Amino acid sequence: MTGMRLAKFIADCGVASRRGAEDLIAAGAVTVDGVVVTTPVCFVDNTNTVTVRGREIRPRKSTQIYLFHKPLRTVTTRNDPQGRRTIYDCLPMQYRSLKYVGRLDFMTSGLLLLTNNGGLAEQLMLPKTQIPRTYIATVSCRANAADADLDAARRGMTVDGVHYRPMEIDRISDKTLRVTVREGKNHEVRNVLRACGAPVRQLHRVRYGPFELGKLAPGEIVAADQKTIDALMKTL
């Protein structure tokens, strides 16, 4: 970073808007290399030390999102008390500082998002964001089971005292369903399909918001397209 205006630097660090940064400067709350600066006509680069109200500030890292194909029989956590293999055991060392977005349970495979932006990870998991997650579910049910058996899930239903919002369910074959949810409660797909008489045998996530698993192999990780990341963040 070379020759950036001080107010823009402060805004890029997430401290305030550009106008708010100018007000902080005018109020004498900003120092550059230990010297109070009261005019916005000041330029800084990455060799300067900037503080606001006595606290050093640094530019935020650009947000990165990665698509990871979580293998079966791995736990979405950093440390498992039962000693089971975790997703971080599968990841190359350079990705182990990333934060996962939501969880896939031990026996669920497929798309798991990882990011360097903890705040974004929390936003993507909030039910109010209504971000769709799509799964392929292999179920145990009658070969001639009617779609009507799944209508309760499509309308939204309560299972064991927990209310689940409506799901989109399409039948791929007699025992294979494509299920899209927008809430992300614990074991949501498994609990609801079990209550509908179609218990899940295998569950595999293929999509999370605008991101698709595609042909990514189990254990592989790839960076998401930056344009897709930028477009997603504008919607939050």
C-alpha atoms as a PDB file:
ATOM      1  CA  MET A   1       0.000   0.000   0.000  1.00  0.00           C
ATOM      2  CA  THR A   2       1.606   3.288  -1.138  1.00  0.00           C
ATOM      3  CA  GLY A   3       0.433   6.870  -0.805  1.00  0.00           C
ATOM      4  CA  MET A   4      -3.072   6.135   0.537  1.00  0.00           C
ATOM      5  CA  ARG A   5      -5.020   8.975   2.083  1.00  0.00           C
ATOM      6  CA  LEU A   6      -5.225   8.610   5.853  1.00  0.00           C
ATOM      7  CA  ALA A   7      -9.031   8.682   5.974  1.00  0.00           C
ATOM      8  CA  LYS A   8      -9.258   5.891   3.386  1.00  0.00           C
ATOM      9  CA  PHE A   9      -6.703   3.840   5.318  1.00  0.00           C
ATOM     10  CA  ILE A  10      -8.799   4.166   8.482  1.00  0.00           C
ATOM     11  CA  ALA A  11     -11.970   3.227   6.593  1.00  0.00           C
ATOM     12  CA  ASP A  12     -10.276   0.220   4.982  1.00  0.00           C
ATOM     13  CA  CYS A  13      -9.296  -0.973   8.464  1.00  0.00           C
ATOM     14  CA  GLY A  14     -12.994  -1.075   9.347  1.00  0.00           C
ATOM     15  CA  VAL A  15     -12.785   1.562  12.074  1.00  0.00           C
ATOM     16  CA  ALA A  16     -15.234   4.049  10.552  1.00  0.00           C
ATOM     17  CA  SER A  17     -16.676   5.282   7.291  1.00  0.00           C
ATOM     18  CA  ARG A  18     -14.553   7.664   5.217  1.00  0.00           C
ATOM     19  CA  ARG A  19     -16.520  10.629   6.629  1.00  0.00           C
ATOM     20  CA  GLY A  20     -16.267   9.199  10.140  1.00  0.00           C
ATOM     21  CA  ALA A  21     -12.528   8.789   9.686  1.00  0.00           C
ATOM     22  CA  GLU A  22     -12.203  12.441   8.710  1.00  0.00           C
ATOM     23  CA  ASP A  23     -14.082  13.406  11.892  1.00  0.00           C
ATOM     24  CA  LEU A  24     -11.700  11.279  13.986  1.00  0.00           C
ATOM     25  CA  ILE A  25      -8.732  12.984  12.358  1.00  0.00           C
ATOM     26  CA  ALA A  26     -10.191  16.457  12.958  1.00  0.00           C
ATOM     27  CA  ALA A  27     -10.816  15.530  16.614  1.00  0.00           C
ATOM     28  CA  GLY A  28      -7.135  14.717  17.127  1.00  0.00           C
ATOM     29  CA  ALA A  29      -7.860  11.012  17.751  1.00  0.00           C
ATOM     30  CA  VAL A  30      -5.411   9.762  15.114  1.00  0.00           C
ATOM     31  CA  THR A  31      -1.633   9.522  15.214  1.00  0.00           C
ATOM     32  CA  VAL A  32       0.825   8.536  12.511  1.00  0.00           C
ATOM     33  CA  ASP A  33       4.166   7.304  13.806  1.00  0.00           C
ATOM     34  CA  GLY A  34       3.368   8.798  17.194  1.00  0.00           C
ATOM     35  CA  VAL A  35       2.435  12.241  15.899  1.00  0.00           C
ATOM     36  CA  VAL A  36      -1.150  13.524  16.145  1.00  0.00           C
ATOM     37  CA  VAL A  37      -2.555  14.324  12.710  1.00  0.00           C
ATOM     38  CA  THR A  38      -5.475  16.729  12.406  1.00  0.00           C
ATOM     39  CA  THR A  39      -5.679  17.180   8.638  1.00  0.00           C
ATOM     40  CA  PRO A  40      -7.010  14.598   6.169  1.00  0.00           C
ATOM     41  CA  VAL A  41      -4.352  15.718   3.707  1.00  0.00           C
ATOM     42  CA  CYS A  42      -1.967  13.053   4.940  1.00  0.00           C
ATOM     43  CA  PHE A  43      -0.761   9.941   3.128  1.00  0.00           C
ATOM     44  CA  VAL A  44       0.381   6.690   4.693  1.00  0.00           C
ATOM     45  CA  ASP A  45       1.728   3.371   3.509  1.00  0.00           C
ATOM     46  CA  ASN A  46       2.518   0.019   5.102  1.00  0.00           C
ATOM     47  CA  THR A  47       5.657   1.388   6.748  1.00  0.00           C
ATOM     48  CA  ASN A  48       3.662   3.774   8.953  1.00  0.00           C
ATOM     49  CA  THR A  49       2.150   3.036  12.364  1.00  0.00           C
ATOM     50  CA  VAL A  50      -1.375   4.452  12.630  1.00  0.00           C
ATOM     51  CA  THR A  51      -3.375   4.573  15.862  1.00  0.00           C
ATOM     52  CA  VAL A  52      -6.964   5.629  16.545  1.00  0.00           C
ATOM     53  CA  ARG A  53      -7.672   6.608  20.158  1.00  0.00           C
ATOM     54  CA  GLY A  54      -4.428   4.948  21.163  1.00  0.00           C
ATOM     55  CA  ARG A  55      -5.059   1.623  19.407  1.00  0.00           C
ATOM     56  CA  GLU A  56      -2.938   0.590  16.451  1.00  0.00           C
ATOM     57  CA  ILE A  57      -4.989  -0.321  13.407  1.00  0.00           C
ATOM     58  CA  ARG A  58      -4.174  -2.482  10.405  1.00  0.00           C
ATOM     59  CA  PRO A  59      -5.916  -3.086   7.087  1.00  0.00           C
ATOM     60  CA  ARG A  60      -8.345  -5.978   7.024  1.00  0.00           C
ATOM     61  CA  LYS A  61      -7.296  -8.970   5.009  1.00  0.00           C
ATOM     62  CA  SER A  62      -9.308  -9.548   1.861  1.00  0.00           C
ATOM     63  CA  THR A  63     -12.045 -12.080   2.435  1.00  0.00           C
ATOM     64  CA  GLN A  64     -11.312 -15.540   1.112  1.00  0.00           C
ATOM     65  CA  ILE A  65     -13.697 -18.474   0.835  1.00  0.00           C
ATOM     66  CA  TYR A  66     -12.643 -22.019   0.030  1.00  0.00           C
ATOM     67  CA  LEU A  67     -14.698 -24.994  -1.091  1.00  0.00           C
ATOM     68  CA  PHE A  68     -13.760 -28.192   0.736  1.00  0.00           C
ATOM     69  CA  HIS A  69     -15.125 -31.670   0.045  1.00  0.00           C
ATOM     70  CA  LYS A  70     -15.582 -33.064   3.538  1.00  0.00           C
ATOM     71  CA  PRO A  71     -15.033 -36.817   3.567  1.00  0.00           C
ATOM     72  CA  LEU A  72     -17.279 -39.242   5.404  1.00  0.00           C
ATOM     73  CA  ARG A  73     -16.413 -40.148   8.980  1.00  0.00           C
ATOM     74  CA  THR A  74     -14.756 -36.827   9.813  1.00  0.00           C
ATOM     75  CA  VAL A  75     -15.829 -34.350  12.493  1.00  0.00           C
ATOM     76  CA  THR A  76     -16.362 -30.647  11.787  1.00  0.00           C
ATOM     77  CA  THR A  77     -14.301 -29.358  14.704  1.00  0.00           C
ATOM     78  CA  ARG A  78     -10.704 -28.629  15.607  1.00  0.00           C
ATOM     79  CA  ASN A  79     -10.386 -31.151  18.405  1.00  0.00           C
ATOM     80  CA  ASP A  80     -12.606 -34.157  19.011  1.00  0.00           C
ATOM     81  CA  PRO A  81     -12.793 -35.528  22.583  1.00  0.00           C
ATOM     82  CA  GLN A  82     -13.476 -38.985  21.145  1.00  0.00           C
ATOM     83  CA  GLY A  83     -10.309 -38.901  19.085  1.00  0.00           C
ATOM     84  CA  ARG A  84     -12.075 -39.114  15.738  1.00  0.00           C
ATOM     85  CA  ARG A  85     -10.541 -37.670  12.593  1.00  0.00           C
ATOM     86  CA  THR A  86     -11.408 -33.992  12.116  1.00  0.00           C
ATOM     87  CA  ILE A  87     -11.641 -31.910   8.969  1.00  0.00           C
ATOM     88  CA  TYR A  88      -8.396 -30.189   9.988  1.00  0.00           C
ATOM     89  CA  ASP A  89      -6.614 -33.537   9.917  1.00  0.00           C
ATOM     90  CA  CYS A  90      -7.577 -33.706   6.232  1.00  0.00           C
ATOM     91  CA  LEU A  91      -6.508 -30.174   5.336  1.00  0.00           C
ATOM     92  CA  PRO A  92      -3.025 -29.108   4.180  1.00  0.00           C
ATOM     93  CA  MET A  93      -1.233 -27.056   6.835  1.00  0.00           C
ATOM     94  CA  GLN A  94      -1.731 -23.695   5.069  1.00  0.00           C
ATOM     95  CA  TYR A  95      -5.524 -24.004   5.414  1.00  0.00           C
ATOM     96  CA  ARG A  96      -5.751 -25.040   9.054  1.00  0.00           C
ATOM     97  CA  SER A  97      -6.275 -21.512  10.373  1.00  0.00           C
ATOM     98  CA  LEU A  98      -9.499 -21.126   8.377  1.00  0.00           C
ATOM     99  CA  LYS A  99     -12.928 -21.017  10.032  1.00  0.00           C
ATOM    100  CA  TYR A 100     -15.576 -23.476   8.880  1.00  0.00           C
ATOM    101  CA  VAL A 101     -19.041 -22.263   7.936  1.00  0.00           C
ATOM    102  CA  GLY A 102     -21.596 -24.401   9.721  1.00  0.00           C
ATOM    103  CA  ARG A 103     -21.143 -28.105  10.321  1.00  0.00           C
ATOM    104  CA  LEU A 104     -21.610 -31.380   8.535  1.00  0.00           C
ATOM    105  CA  ASP A 105     -22.035 -34.297  10.887  1.00  0.00           C
ATOM    106  CA  PHE A 106     -19.723 -37.316  11.116  1.00  0.00           C
ATOM    107  CA  MET A 107     -21.625 -39.360   8.527  1.00  0.00           C
ATOM    108  CA  THR A 108     -22.396 -36.503   6.106  1.00  0.00           C
ATOM    109  CA  SER A 109     -20.063 -35.725   3.218  1.00  0.00           C
ATOM    110  CA  GLY A 110     -19.876 -32.948   0.667  1.00  0.00           C
ATOM    111  CA  LEU A 111     -19.438 -29.214   0.412  1.00  0.00           C
ATOM    112  CA  LEU A 112     -18.099 -27.359   3.452  1.00  0.00           C
ATOM    113  CA  LEU A 113     -17.109 -23.699   3.167  1.00  0.00           C
ATOM    114  CA  LEU A 114     -13.981 -22.401   4.900  1.00  0.00           C
ATOM    115  CA  THR A 115     -13.064 -18.729   5.272  1.00  0.00           C
ATOM    116  CA  ASN A 116     -10.518 -16.383   6.820  1.00  0.00           C
ATOM    117  CA  ASN A 117     -13.346 -14.012   7.833  1.00  0.00           C
ATOM    118  CA  GLY A 118     -14.917 -15.142  11.116  1.00  0.00           C
ATOM    119  CA  GLY A 119     -17.616 -12.475  10.943  1.00  0.00           C
ATOM    120  CA  LEU A 120     -18.670 -13.637   7.515  1.00  0.00           C
ATOM    121  CA  ALA A 121     -18.777 -17.253   8.700  1.00  0.00           C
ATOM    122  CA  GLU A 122     -21.243 -16.249  11.429  1.00  0.00           C
ATOM    123  CA  GLN A 123     -23.399 -14.303   8.970  1.00  0.00           C
ATOM    124  CA  LEU A 124     -23.585 -17.208   6.539  1.00  0.00           C
ATOM    125  CA  MET A 125     -24.859 -19.476   9.328  1.00  0.00           C
ATOM    126  CA  LEU A 126     -27.621 -17.176  10.618  1.00  0.00           C
ATOM    127  CA  PRO A 127     -31.138 -18.471   9.872  1.00  0.00           C
ATOM    128  CA  LYS A 128     -32.243 -14.946   8.936  1.00  0.00           C
ATOM    129  CA  THR A 129     -29.882 -14.887   5.939  1.00  0.00           C
ATOM    130  CA  GLN A 130     -32.001 -17.646   4.326  1.00  0.00           C
ATOM    131  CA  ILE A 131     -28.999 -18.986   2.390  1.00  0.00           C
ATOM    132  CA  PRO A 132     -30.008 -22.230   0.651  1.00  0.00           C
ATOM    133  CA  ARG A 133     -28.079 -25.447   1.295  1.00  0.00           C
ATOM    134  CA  THR A 134     -28.768 -28.358  -1.037  1.00  0.00           C
ATOM    135  CA  TYR A 135     -28.263 -32.033  -0.203  1.00  0.00           C
ATOM    136  CA  ILE A 136     -28.621 -35.320  -2.012  1.00  0.00           C
ATOM    137  CA  ALA A 137     -30.258 -37.776   0.391  1.00  0.00           C
ATOM    138  CA  THR A 138     -30.410 -41.530  -0.095  1.00  0.00           C
ATOM    139  CA  VAL A 139     -33.336 -42.716   1.987  1.00  0.00           C
ATOM    140  CA  SER A 140     -34.929 -45.941   3.185  1.00  0.00           C
ATOM    141  CA  CYS A 141     -38.562 -45.847   2.124  1.00  0.00           C
ATOM    142  CA  ARG A 142     -41.065 -47.752   0.075  1.00  0.00           C
ATOM    143  CA  ALA A 143     -40.190 -47.880  -3.607  1.00  0.00           C
ATOM    144  CA  ASN A 144     -43.744 -46.735  -4.376  1.00  0.00           C
ATOM    145  CA  ALA A 145     -43.829 -44.025  -1.722  1.00  0.00           C
ATOM    146  CA  ALA A 146     -45.854 -41.040  -2.894  1.00  0.00           C
ATOM    147  CA  ASP A 147     -44.615 -37.471  -2.913  1.00  0.00           C
ATOM    148  CA  ALA A 148     -47.491 -36.724  -0.550  1.00  0.00           C
ATOM    149  CA  ASP A 149     -45.479 -38.457   2.196  1.00  0.00           C
ATOM    150  CA  LEU A 150     -43.052 -35.520   2.034  1.00  0.00           C
ATOM    151  CA  ASP A 151     -45.614 -32.721   1.921  1.00  0.00           C
ATOM    152  CA  ALA A 152     -45.355 -32.084   5.661  1.00  0.00           C
ATOM    153  CA  ALA A 153     -41.650 -31.279   5.200  1.00  0.00           C
ATOM    154  CA  ARG A 154     -42.482 -29.029   2.263  1.00  0.00           C
ATOM    155  CA  ARG A 155     -44.977 -27.111   4.420  1.00  0.00           C
ATOM    156  CA  GLY A 156     -42.731 -26.960   7.491  1.00  0.00           C
ATOM    157  CA  MET A 157     -43.172 -29.220  10.467  1.00  0.00           C
ATOM    158  CA  THR A 158     -42.357 -29.790  14.125  1.00  0.00           C
ATOM    159  CA  VAL A 159     -40.309 -32.827  15.134  1.00  0.00           C
ATOM    160  CA  ASP A 160     -39.627 -33.668  18.788  1.00  0.00           C
ATOM    161  CA  GLY A 161     -40.611 -30.153  19.803  1.00  0.00           C
ATOM    162  CA  VAL A 162     -38.380 -28.419  17.239  1.00  0.00           C
ATOM    163  CA  HIS A 163     -40.008 -26.497  14.373  1.00  0.00           C
ATOM    164  CA  TYR A 164     -38.376 -26.729  10.956  1.00  0.00           C
ATOM    165  CA  ARG A 165     -39.080 -24.326   8.128  1.00  0.00           C
ATOM    166  CA  PRO A 166     -40.389 -25.564   4.764  1.00  0.00           C
ATOM    167  CA  MET A 167     -37.934 -27.557   2.661  1.00  0.00           C
ATOM    168  CA  GLU A 168     -37.732 -27.887  -1.110  1.00  0.00           C
ATOM    169  CA  ILE A 169     -37.765 -31.602  -1.929  1.00  0.00           C
ATOM    170  CA  ASP A 170     -37.474 -33.113  -5.398  1.00  0.00           C
ATOM    171  CA  ARG A 171     -37.396 -36.814  -6.109  1.00  0.00           C
ATOM    172  CA  ILE A 172     -34.436 -37.908  -8.246  1.00  0.00           C
ATOM    173  CA  SER A 173     -35.323 -41.585  -8.043  1.00  0.00           C
ATOM    174  CA  ASP A 174     -37.365 -43.892  -5.798  1.00  0.00           C
ATOM    175  CA  LYS A 175     -34.871 -43.617  -2.956  1.00  0.00           C
ATOM    176  CA  THR A 176     -32.901 -40.491  -3.844  1.00  0.00           C
ATOM    177  CA  LEU A 177     -34.060 -36.976  -2.967  1.00  0.00           C
ATOM    178  CA  ARG A 178     -32.697 -33.496  -3.607  1.00  0.00           C
ATOM    179  CA  VAL A 179     -33.392 -31.445  -0.482  1.00  0.00           C
ATOM    180  CA  THR A 180     -32.833 -27.703  -0.053  1.00  0.00           C
ATOM    181  CA  VAL A 181     -33.045 -26.022   3.345  1.00  0.00           C
ATOM    182  CA  ARG A 182     -32.633 -22.391   4.366  1.00  0.00           C
ATOM    183  CA  GLU A 183     -32.250 -22.693   8.114  1.00  0.00           C
ATOM    184  CA  GLY A 184     -29.419 -25.062   8.978  1.00  0.00           C
ATOM    185  CA  LYS A 185     -30.586 -26.500  12.306  1.00  0.00           C
ATOM    186  CA  ASN A 186     -28.716 -29.442  13.786  1.00  0.00           C
ATOM    187  CA  HIS A 187     -29.482 -32.697  11.896  1.00  0.00           C
ATOM    188  CA  GLU A 188     -32.302 -30.862  10.140  1.00  0.00           C
ATOM    189  CA  VAL A 189     -32.565 -33.017   7.017  1.00  0.00           C
ATOM    190  CA  ARG A 190     -32.163 -36.294   8.885  1.00  0.00           C
ATOM    191  CA  ASN A 191     -34.731 -35.428  11.562  1.00  0.00           C
ATOM    192  CA  VAL A 192     -37.399 -34.207   9.165  1.00  0.00           C
ATOM    193  CA  LEU A 193     -37.083 -37.021   6.625  1.00  0.00           C
ATOM    194  CA  ARG A 194     -37.159 -39.601   9.415  1.00  0.00           C
ATOM    195  CA  ALA A 195     -40.409 -38.049  10.674  1.00  0.00           C
ATOM    196  CA  CYS A 196     -41.810 -38.288   7.139  1.00  0.00           C
ATOM    197  CA  GLY A 197     -41.108 -42.010   7.003  1.00  0.00           C
ATOM    198  CA  ALA A 198     -38.012 -41.685   4.826  1.00  0.00           C
ATOM    199  CA  PRO A 199     -34.994 -42.106   7.143  1.00  0.00           C
ATOM    200  CA  VAL A 200     -31.676 -41.039   5.631  1.00  0.00           C
ATOM    201  CA  ARG A 201     -29.093 -43.679   4.792  1.00  0.00           C
ATOM    202  CA  GLN A 202     -26.584 -41.335   3.119  1.00  0.00           C
ATOM    203  CA  LEU A 203     -26.410 -37.527   3.053  1.00  0.00           C
ATOM    204  CA  HIS A 204     -24.213 -35.464   0.771  1.00  0.00           C
ATOM    205  CA  ARG A 205     -24.193 -31.646   0.452  1.00  0.00           C
ATOM    206  CA  VAL A 206     -23.711 -30.346  -3.079  1.00  0.00           C
ATOM    207  CA  ARG A 207     -24.412 -26.625  -2.737  1.00  0.00           C
ATOM    208  CA  TYR A 208     -24.151 -23.799  -0.181  1.00  0.00           C
ATOM    209  CA  GLY A 209     -25.558 -20.492  -1.437  1.00  0.00           C
ATOM    210  CA  PRO A 210     -23.901 -19.700  -4.777  1.00  0.00           C
ATOM    211  CA  PHE A 211     -21.112 -22.261  -4.270  1.00  0.00           C
ATOM    212  CA  GLU A 212     -21.321 -25.744  -5.794  1.00  0.00           C
ATOM    213  CA  LEU A 213     -19.267 -28.830  -4.998  1.00  0.00           C
ATOM    214  CA  GLY A 214     -18.992 -29.840  -8.627  1.00  0.00           C
ATOM    215  CA  LYS A 215     -16.360 -32.504  -9.268  1.00  0.00           C
ATOM    216  CA  LEU A 216     -14.240 -31.732  -6.219  1.00  0.00           C
ATOM    217  CA  ALA A 217     -12.943 -35.031  -4.819  1.00  0.00           C
ATOM    218  CA  PRO A 218     -13.194 -35.983  -1.116  1.00  0.00           C
ATOM    219  CA  GLY A 219     -10.488 -34.168   0.857  1.00  0.00           C
ATOM    220  CA  GLU A 220      -9.796 -31.621  -1.887  1.00  0.00           C
ATOM    221  CA  ILE A 221      -9.992 -27.858  -1.345  1.00  0.00           C
ATOM    222  CA  VAL A 222     -10.164 -25.038  -3.878  1.00  0.00           C
ATOM    223  CA  ALA A 223     -10.484 -21.246  -3.660  1.00  0.00           C
ATOM    224  CA  ALA A 224     -13.879 -19.825  -4.566  1.00  0.00           C
ATOM    225  CA  ASP A 225     -14.169 -17.391  -7.436  1.00  0.00           C
ATOM    226  CA  GLN A 226     -13.595 -13.841  -6.171  1.00  0.00           C
ATOM    227  CA  LYS A 227     -16.476 -12.396  -8.198  1.00  0.00           C
ATOM    228  CA  THR A 228     -18.842 -14.874  -6.567  1.00  0.00           C
ATOM    229  CA  ILE A 229     -17.511 -13.936  -3.114  1.00  0.00           C
ATOM    230  CA  ASP A 230     -17.935 -10.215  -3.805  1.00  0.00           C
ATOM    231  CA  ALA A 231     -21.482 -10.715  -5.119  1.00  0.00           C
ATOM    232  CA  LEU A 232     -22.431 -12.765  -2.044  1.00  0.00           C
ATOM    233  CA  MET A 233     -21.092 -10.187   0.394  1.00  0.00           C
ATOM    234  CA  LYS A 234     -23.163  -7.461  -1.241  1.00  0.00           C
ATOM    235  CA  THR A 235     -26.307  -9.405  -0.346  1.00  0.00           C
ATOM    236  CA  LEU A 236     -25.516  -9.686   3.384  1.00  0.00           C
END
